[in-house]
């Protein structure tokens, strides 16, 4: 992603509520709680390059993490990142809210 779409995506992530989630810790065993899939964003700006991790596959600690603040996954912030080669078809712990934002509906 470059230019305006990339800037729009960063704005969507920044607008997401602080705190992380959606999580469902009661629904999985501790050994698989974090899942085994993430998306790593390399964000380049005038101040340098930063890394943002989008954790979505587990039951706990889902969200966008840039090293200081964890933000909640939202449909608006996740949508552009789970298309094309990053399309998600399943294999993650989910309730209806998380499933709706991650799995394609076409």
Protein backbone atom coordinates (compact mmCIF):
# COMPACT_ATOMS: atom_id res chain seq x y z
CA UNK A 1 0.00 0.00 0.00
CA UNK A 2 1.29 3.45 -0.88
CA UNK A 3 0.14 7.04 -0.97
CA UNK A 4 -3.43 7.95 -0.07
CA UNK A 5 -4.62 4.35 0.62
CA UNK A 6 -1.72 3.81 3.03
CA UNK A 7 -2.37 7.11 4.80
CA UNK A 8 -6.07 6.27 5.06
CA UNK A 9 -5.22 2.88 6.57
CA UNK A 10 -2.96 4.44 9.21
CA UNK A 11 -5.77 6.89 10.07
CA UNK A 12 -8.21 3.96 10.49
CA UNK A 13 -5.79 2.15 12.79
CA UNK A 14 -5.15 5.33 14.82
CA UNK A 15 -8.92 5.87 15.16
CA UNK A 16 -9.50 2.37 16.57
CA UNK A 17 -10.21 2.19 20.30
CA UNK A 18 -7.28 1.66 22.65
CA UNK A 19 -7.19 -1.64 24.47
CA UNK A 20 -6.99 -4.39 21.88
CA UNK A 21 -9.42 -7.15 21.04
CA UNK A 22 -11.76 -8.62 20.19
CA UNK A 23 -10.59 -11.39 22.48
CA UNK A 24 -12.30 -14.55 23.71
CA UNK A 25 -9.89 -16.09 26.26
CA UNK A 26 -12.47 -18.51 27.67
CA UNK A 27 -12.70 -20.28 24.31
CA UNK A 28 -9.20 -21.70 23.91
CA UNK A 29 -6.33 -23.50 25.56
CA UNK A 30 -3.35 -21.44 26.78
CA UNK A 31 -0.92 -23.14 24.38
CA UNK A 32 -2.82 -21.80 21.36
CA UNK A 33 -4.14 -18.57 22.88
CA UNK A 34 -1.97 -16.26 20.75
CA UNK A 35 -2.61 -17.99 17.43
CA UNK A 36 0.02 -18.51 14.79
CA UNK A 37 -0.78 -15.79 12.26
CA UNK A 38 -0.01 -12.07 12.27
CA UNK A 39 0.38 -9.31 9.71
CA UNK A 40 3.33 -6.95 10.07
CA UNK A 41 3.08 -3.47 8.59
CA UNK A 42 6.18 -1.44 7.85
CA UNK A 43 5.07 2.17 8.07
CA UNK A 44 7.36 4.68 6.40
CA UNK A 45 6.94 8.38 7.14
CA UNK A 46 8.96 11.55 7.40
CA UNK A 47 10.03 10.44 10.88
CA UNK A 48 11.36 7.07 9.71
CA UNK A 49 10.12 3.49 9.56
CA UNK A 50 7.94 1.92 12.24
CA UNK A 51 6.55 -1.57 12.62
CA UNK A 52 2.90 -2.24 13.47
CA UNK A 53 1.83 -5.79 14.24
CA UNK A 54 -1.73 -6.87 13.59
CA UNK A 55 -2.42 -9.92 15.77
CA UNK A 56 -5.73 -11.56 14.83
CA UNK A 57 -5.50 -15.36 14.96
CA UNK A 58 -5.67 -16.08 18.67
CA UNK A 59 -8.06 -15.74 21.56
CA UNK A 60 -6.00 -13.13 23.42
CA UNK A 61 -3.98 -10.01 22.68
CA UNK A 62 -5.59 -9.37 19.31
CA UNK A 63 -5.16 -5.87 17.96
CA UNK A 64 -2.75 -3.46 16.35
CA UNK A 65 0.45 -2.99 18.35
CA UNK A 66 3.06 -0.38 17.44
CA UNK A 67 5.11 -0.93 20.58
CA UNK A 68 3.41 1.63 22.79
CA UNK A 69 -0.36 1.33 22.39
CA UNK A 70 -2.52 -1.63 21.43
CA UNK A 71 -5.64 -0.78 19.46
CA UNK A 72 -8.74 -2.85 18.81
CA UNK A 73 -9.28 -4.56 15.49
CA UNK A 74 -12.17 -2.90 13.67
CA UNK A 75 -13.81 -3.75 10.38
CA UNK A 76 -12.61 -0.44 8.89
CA UNK A 77 -8.99 -0.92 9.99
CA UNK A 78 -8.74 -4.64 9.18
CA UNK A 79 -10.56 -4.70 5.82
CA UNK A 80 -7.81 -3.30 3.58
CA UNK A 81 -5.23 -5.62 5.14
CA UNK A 82 -7.04 -8.94 4.60
CA UNK A 83 -7.44 -8.81 0.85
CA UNK A 84 -5.35 -10.14 -2.02
CA UNK A 85 -2.40 -12.23 -0.81
CA UNK A 86 -3.34 -11.54 2.84
CA UNK A 87 -6.89 -12.84 2.44
CA UNK A 88 -8.02 -14.79 5.50
CA UNK A 89 -10.24 -17.84 5.06
CA UNK A 90 -10.19 -19.23 8.58
CA UNK A 91 -7.80 -20.96 10.92
CA UNK A 92 -8.21 -18.45 13.70
CA UNK A 93 -10.11 -18.26 16.96
CA UNK A 94 -13.18 -16.14 16.46
CA UNK A 95 -16.53 -15.06 17.62
CA UNK A 96 -19.03 -13.57 15.17
CA UNK A 97 -17.57 -10.04 15.39
CA UNK A 98 -14.03 -11.10 14.49
CA UNK A 99 -15.19 -13.58 11.87
CA UNK A 100 -17.24 -10.83 10.16
CA UNK A 101 -14.25 -8.51 9.84
CA UNK A 102 -11.70 -11.12 8.71
CA UNK A 103 -13.45 -13.58 6.40
CA UNK A 104 -14.42 -12.46 2.87
CA UNK A 105 -18.13 -12.16 2.18
CA UNK A 106 -18.18 -12.20 -1.61
